[in-house]
Amino acid sequence: MNAVAFSKINPFGAKIQAIYSSDIGHFDVPDMVQVLPEAYELVEDELITPSDFRDFTFANAVKLWGTVNPRFFEGTAVAKAAAAVLGTAPARAAAE
């Protein structure tokens, strides 16, 4: 169903801002390192594009939290990439 969010069958070609989530902590996930590669099969099966996958796993989440609070990702490992998605300059750390 995740692929439908990015499908051309949506009215007016709309893309739903789907966000990747998983049951990675559940008892029925035998190997945590397989969760994201399993999701990437959407690209391998040509159901979504690599760009759609980036939106699904990163950019849409950044927009969700960063649009309301542009400083949400400051001090994190993804601060620069998040700032690029949001079109803002990343904040400099005090130690810089």
N, C-alpha and C. Protein backbone atom coordinates (compact mmCIF):
# COMPACT_ATOMS: atom_id res chain seq x y z
N MET A 1 0.81 -1.20 0.00
CA MET A 1 0.00 0.00 0.00
C MET A 1 0.85 1.26 0.00
N ASN A 2 2.09 1.18 0.48
CA ASN A 2 2.94 2.37 0.49
C ASN A 2 3.14 2.92 -0.91
N ALA A 3 3.25 2.05 -1.89
CA ALA A 3 3.48 2.49 -3.26
C ALA A 3 2.33 3.34 -3.77
N VAL A 4 1.12 3.13 -3.29
CA VAL A 4 -0.04 3.89 -3.74
C VAL A 4 0.13 5.37 -3.41
N ALA A 5 0.81 5.68 -2.33
CA ALA A 5 1.02 7.08 -1.95
C ALA A 5 1.76 7.85 -3.04
N PHE A 6 2.57 7.17 -3.82
CA PHE A 6 3.37 7.81 -4.86
C PHE A 6 2.88 7.48 -6.26
N SER A 7 1.75 6.84 -6.35
CA SER A 7 1.23 6.32 -7.61
C SER A 7 0.62 7.40 -8.50
N LYS A 8 0.67 7.14 -9.78
CA LYS A 8 0.04 8.04 -10.75
C LYS A 8 -1.47 7.86 -10.78
N ILE A 9 -1.99 6.88 -10.06
CA ILE A 9 -3.44 6.68 -10.05
C ILE A 9 -4.14 7.63 -9.09
N ASN A 10 -3.39 8.33 -8.27
CA ASN A 10 -4.00 9.29 -7.35
C ASN A 10 -4.60 10.45 -8.13
N PRO A 11 -5.73 10.98 -7.68
CA PRO A 11 -6.35 12.10 -8.39
C PRO A 11 -5.39 13.25 -8.61
N PHE A 12 -5.40 13.76 -9.83
CA PHE A 12 -4.58 14.90 -10.23
C PHE A 12 -3.09 14.64 -10.07
N GLY A 13 -2.68 13.38 -10.01
CA GLY A 13 -1.27 13.03 -9.87
C GLY A 13 -0.69 13.36 -8.51
N ALA A 14 -1.55 13.52 -7.52
CA ALA A 14 -1.11 13.88 -6.18
C ALA A 14 -0.23 12.79 -5.58
N LYS A 15 0.75 13.22 -4.80
CA LYS A 15 1.58 12.29 -4.03
C LYS A 15 1.26 12.51 -2.56
N ILE A 16 0.85 11.45 -1.90
CA ILE A 16 0.55 11.52 -0.48
C ILE A 16 1.89 11.56 0.26
N GLN A 17 1.99 12.37 1.26
CA GLN A 17 3.25 12.55 2.00
C GLN A 17 3.46 11.41 3.00
N ALA A 18 3.53 10.19 2.49
CA ALA A 18 3.71 9.01 3.34
C ALA A 18 5.06 9.05 4.04
N ILE A 19 5.09 8.49 5.25
CA ILE A 19 6.31 8.46 6.06
C ILE A 19 6.60 7.02 6.44
N TYR A 20 7.85 6.62 6.27
CA TYR A 20 8.29 5.27 6.63
C TYR A 20 8.21 5.06 8.13
N SER A 21 7.64 3.96 8.50
CA SER A 21 7.67 3.52 9.88
C SER A 21 7.72 2.00 9.86
N SER A 22 8.11 1.41 10.94
CA SER A 22 8.19 -0.04 10.95
C SER A 22 7.91 -0.60 12.32
N ASP A 23 7.76 -1.87 12.36
CA ASP A 23 7.57 -2.60 13.62
C ASP A 23 8.90 -3.21 14.05
N ILE A 24 9.99 -2.49 13.84
CA ILE A 24 11.32 -3.02 14.05
C ILE A 24 11.53 -3.56 15.47
N GLY A 25 10.85 -2.99 16.44
CA GLY A 25 11.02 -3.44 17.81
C GLY A 25 10.09 -4.58 18.22
N HIS A 26 9.24 -5.01 17.31
CA HIS A 26 8.31 -6.08 17.65
C HIS A 26 9.00 -7.44 17.67
N PHE A 27 8.42 -8.35 18.43
CA PHE A 27 8.98 -9.69 18.59
C PHE A 27 9.05 -10.48 17.29
N ASP A 28 8.20 -10.14 16.33
CA ASP A 28 8.13 -10.93 15.10
C ASP A 28 9.07 -10.43 14.02
N VAL A 29 10.00 -9.52 14.35
CA VAL A 29 11.03 -9.08 13.41
C VAL A 29 12.29 -9.85 13.75
N PRO A 30 12.60 -10.90 12.99
CA PRO A 30 13.73 -11.76 13.35
C PRO A 30 15.10 -11.11 13.16
N ASP A 31 15.21 -10.15 12.24
CA ASP A 31 16.51 -9.54 11.95
C ASP A 31 16.30 -8.07 11.62
N MET A 32 16.69 -7.18 12.53
CA MET A 32 16.45 -5.75 12.36
C MET A 32 17.12 -5.17 11.12
N VAL A 33 18.23 -5.74 10.69
CA VAL A 33 18.93 -5.17 9.55
C VAL A 33 18.21 -5.43 8.23
N GLN A 34 17.18 -6.20 8.25
CA GLN A 34 16.43 -6.50 7.02
C GLN A 34 15.22 -5.60 6.81
N VAL A 35 14.88 -4.78 7.80
CA VAL A 35 13.66 -3.99 7.72
C VAL A 35 13.73 -2.94 6.61
N LEU A 36 14.74 -2.11 6.59
CA LEU A 36 14.85 -1.08 5.56
C LEU A 36 15.09 -1.68 4.17
N PRO A 37 15.99 -2.67 4.02
CA PRO A 37 16.14 -3.28 2.70
C PRO A 37 14.83 -3.88 2.18
N GLU A 38 14.02 -4.39 3.08
CA GLU A 38 12.71 -4.92 2.68
C GLU A 38 11.85 -3.80 2.09
N ALA A 39 11.88 -2.64 2.71
CA ALA A 39 11.12 -1.50 2.20
C ALA A 39 11.67 -1.05 0.84
N TYR A 40 12.99 -1.17 0.65
CA TYR A 40 13.61 -0.74 -0.61
C TYR A 40 13.16 -1.60 -1.79
N GLU A 41 12.57 -2.74 -1.50
CA GLU A 41 12.05 -3.59 -2.59
C GLU A 41 11.00 -2.85 -3.41
N LEU A 42 10.38 -1.82 -2.85
CA LEU A 42 9.45 -1.01 -3.63
C LEU A 42 10.16 -0.38 -4.83
N VAL A 43 11.41 0.02 -4.65
CA VAL A 43 12.20 0.59 -5.74
C VAL A 43 12.65 -0.52 -6.68
N GLU A 44 13.17 -1.60 -6.11
CA GLU A 44 13.65 -2.72 -6.93
C GLU A 44 12.54 -3.31 -7.80
N ASP A 45 11.32 -3.31 -7.28
CA ASP A 45 10.18 -3.82 -8.04
C ASP A 45 9.55 -2.75 -8.93
N GLU A 46 10.18 -1.57 -8.98
CA GLU A 46 9.77 -0.44 -9.80
C GLU A 46 8.35 0.04 -9.49
N LEU A 47 7.98 -0.05 -8.21
CA LEU A 47 6.69 0.46 -7.77
C LEU A 47 6.78 1.93 -7.38
N ILE A 48 7.97 2.36 -6.94
CA ILE A 48 8.26 3.76 -6.69
C ILE A 48 9.66 4.06 -7.21
N THR A 49 9.96 5.33 -7.36
CA THR A 49 11.29 5.73 -7.84
C THR A 49 12.25 5.90 -6.66
N PRO A 50 13.56 5.95 -6.93
CA PRO A 50 14.50 6.24 -5.85
C PRO A 50 14.20 7.59 -5.17
N SER A 51 13.75 8.56 -5.93
CA SER A 51 13.38 9.86 -5.36
C SER A 51 12.17 9.72 -4.43
N ASP A 52 11.19 8.93 -4.84
CA ASP A 52 10.03 8.67 -3.98
C ASP A 52 10.48 7.99 -2.69
N PHE A 53 11.44 7.06 -2.79
CA PHE A 53 11.92 6.34 -1.62
C PHE A 53 12.61 7.29 -0.65
N ARG A 54 13.38 8.22 -1.17
CA ARG A 54 14.03 9.21 -0.31
C ARG A 54 12.98 10.06 0.41
N ASP A 55 11.94 10.46 -0.33
CA ASP A 55 10.86 11.22 0.30
C ASP A 55 10.19 10.38 1.39
N PHE A 56 9.92 9.13 1.08
CA PHE A 56 9.24 8.21 1.98
C PHE A 56 10.03 7.97 3.26
N THR A 57 11.33 7.80 3.13
CA THR A 57 12.16 7.45 4.29
C THR A 57 12.83 8.64 4.97
N PHE A 58 12.81 9.81 4.33
CA PHE A 58 13.52 10.95 4.93
C PHE A 58 12.80 12.28 4.76
N ALA A 59 12.66 12.75 3.54
CA ALA A 59 12.20 14.12 3.30
C ALA A 59 10.80 14.40 3.85
N ASN A 60 9.88 13.46 3.72
CA ASN A 60 8.53 13.71 4.23
C ASN A 60 8.52 13.85 5.75
N ALA A 61 9.33 13.07 6.43
CA ALA A 61 9.43 13.19 7.90
C ALA A 61 10.07 14.52 8.28
N VAL A 62 11.09 14.92 7.55
CA VAL A 62 11.74 16.21 7.81
C VAL A 62 10.72 17.33 7.65
N LYS A 63 9.93 17.27 6.60
CA LYS A 63 8.92 18.31 6.38
C LYS A 63 7.88 18.30 7.49
N LEU A 64 7.48 17.12 7.94
CA LEU A 64 6.47 17.03 9.00
C LEU A 64 6.93 17.75 10.26
N TRP A 65 8.12 17.44 10.74
CA TRP A 65 8.59 18.03 11.99
C TRP A 65 9.32 19.35 11.77
N GLY A 66 10.00 19.50 10.67
CA GLY A 66 10.80 20.69 10.45
C GLY A 66 10.04 21.90 9.95
N THR A 67 8.90 21.70 9.33
CA THR A 67 8.12 22.84 8.86
C THR A 67 7.56 23.62 10.05
N VAL A 68 7.12 22.92 11.05
CA VAL A 68 6.58 23.56 12.25
C VAL A 68 7.71 24.14 13.11
N ASN A 69 8.82 23.39 13.18
CA ASN A 69 9.95 23.83 14.01
C ASN A 69 11.23 23.64 13.20
N PRO A 70 11.64 24.65 12.45
CA PRO A 70 12.83 24.51 11.61
C PRO A 70 14.11 24.13 12.35
N ARG A 71 14.14 24.28 13.66
CA ARG A 71 15.32 23.93 14.46
C ARG A 71 15.24 22.51 15.01
N PHE A 72 14.20 21.77 14.65
CA PHE A 72 13.97 20.44 15.21
C PHE A 72 15.18 19.51 15.06
N PHE A 73 15.89 19.58 13.94
CA PHE A 73 16.99 18.66 13.67
C PHE A 73 18.37 19.22 14.04
N GLU A 74 18.42 20.41 14.60
CA GLU A 74 19.70 21.00 14.99
C GLU A 74 20.44 20.08 15.96
N GLY A 75 21.73 19.93 15.72
CA GLY A 75 22.56 19.12 16.60
C GLY A 75 22.49 17.63 16.32
N THR A 76 21.78 17.24 15.28
CA THR A 76 21.68 15.82 14.94
C THR A 76 22.58 15.50 13.75
N ALA A 77 22.76 14.23 13.51
CA ALA A 77 23.59 13.79 12.38
C ALA A 77 22.98 14.15 11.04
N VAL A 78 21.70 14.43 10.99
CA VAL A 78 21.03 14.74 9.72
C VAL A 78 20.71 16.23 9.58
N ALA A 79 21.28 17.07 10.44
CA ALA A 79 20.94 18.50 10.44
C ALA A 79 21.16 19.15 9.08
N LYS A 80 22.29 18.90 8.44
CA LYS A 80 22.57 19.54 7.15
C LYS A 80 21.62 19.05 6.06
N ALA A 81 21.38 17.75 6.03
CA ALA A 81 20.47 17.20 5.02
C ALA A 81 19.04 17.68 5.27
N ALA A 82 18.65 17.77 6.53
CA ALA A 82 17.30 18.27 6.86
C ALA A 82 17.16 19.73 6.46
N ALA A 83 18.18 20.53 6.73
CA ALA A 83 18.15 21.94 6.36
C ALA A 83 18.04 22.10 4.85
N ALA A 84 18.69 21.22 4.10
CA ALA A 84 18.60 21.27 2.65
C ALA A 84 17.16 20.99 2.19
N VAL A 85 16.52 20.03 2.82
CA VAL A 85 15.12 19.72 2.48
C VAL A 85 14.22 20.91 2.80
N LEU A 86 14.47 21.54 3.93
CA LEU A 86 13.64 22.65 4.38
C LEU A 86 14.01 23.97 3.72
N GLY A 87 15.15 24.00 3.04
CA GLY A 87 15.59 25.22 2.38
C GLY A 87 16.10 26.26 3.36
N THR A 88 16.64 25.79 4.49
CA THR A 88 17.19 26.69 5.50
C THR A 88 18.66 26.38 5.70
N ALA A 89 19.38 27.34 6.21
CA ALA A 89 20.79 27.11 6.53
C ALA A 89 20.88 26.37 7.85
N PRO A 90 21.72 25.35 7.95
CA PRO A 90 21.85 24.64 9.23
C PRO A 90 22.48 25.56 10.28
N ALA A 91 22.04 25.43 11.50
CA ALA A 91 22.62 26.23 12.59
C ALA A 91 24.03 25.75 12.88
N ARG A 92 24.90 26.68 13.24
CA ARG A 92 26.27 26.31 13.58
C ARG A 92 26.33 25.96 15.05
N ALA A 93 27.10 24.96 15.36
CA ALA A 93 27.29 24.56 16.75
C ALA A 93 28.14 25.62 17.46
N ALA A 94 27.94 25.79 18.74
CA ALA A 94 28.68 26.78 19.52
C ALA A 94 30.17 26.55 19.46
N ALA A 95 30.60 25.29 19.32
CA ALA A 95 32.02 24.95 19.31
C ALA A 95 32.70 25.27 17.97
N GLU A 96 31.93 25.57 16.96
CA GLU A 96 32.54 25.84 15.64
C GLU A 96 33.16 27.20 15.57
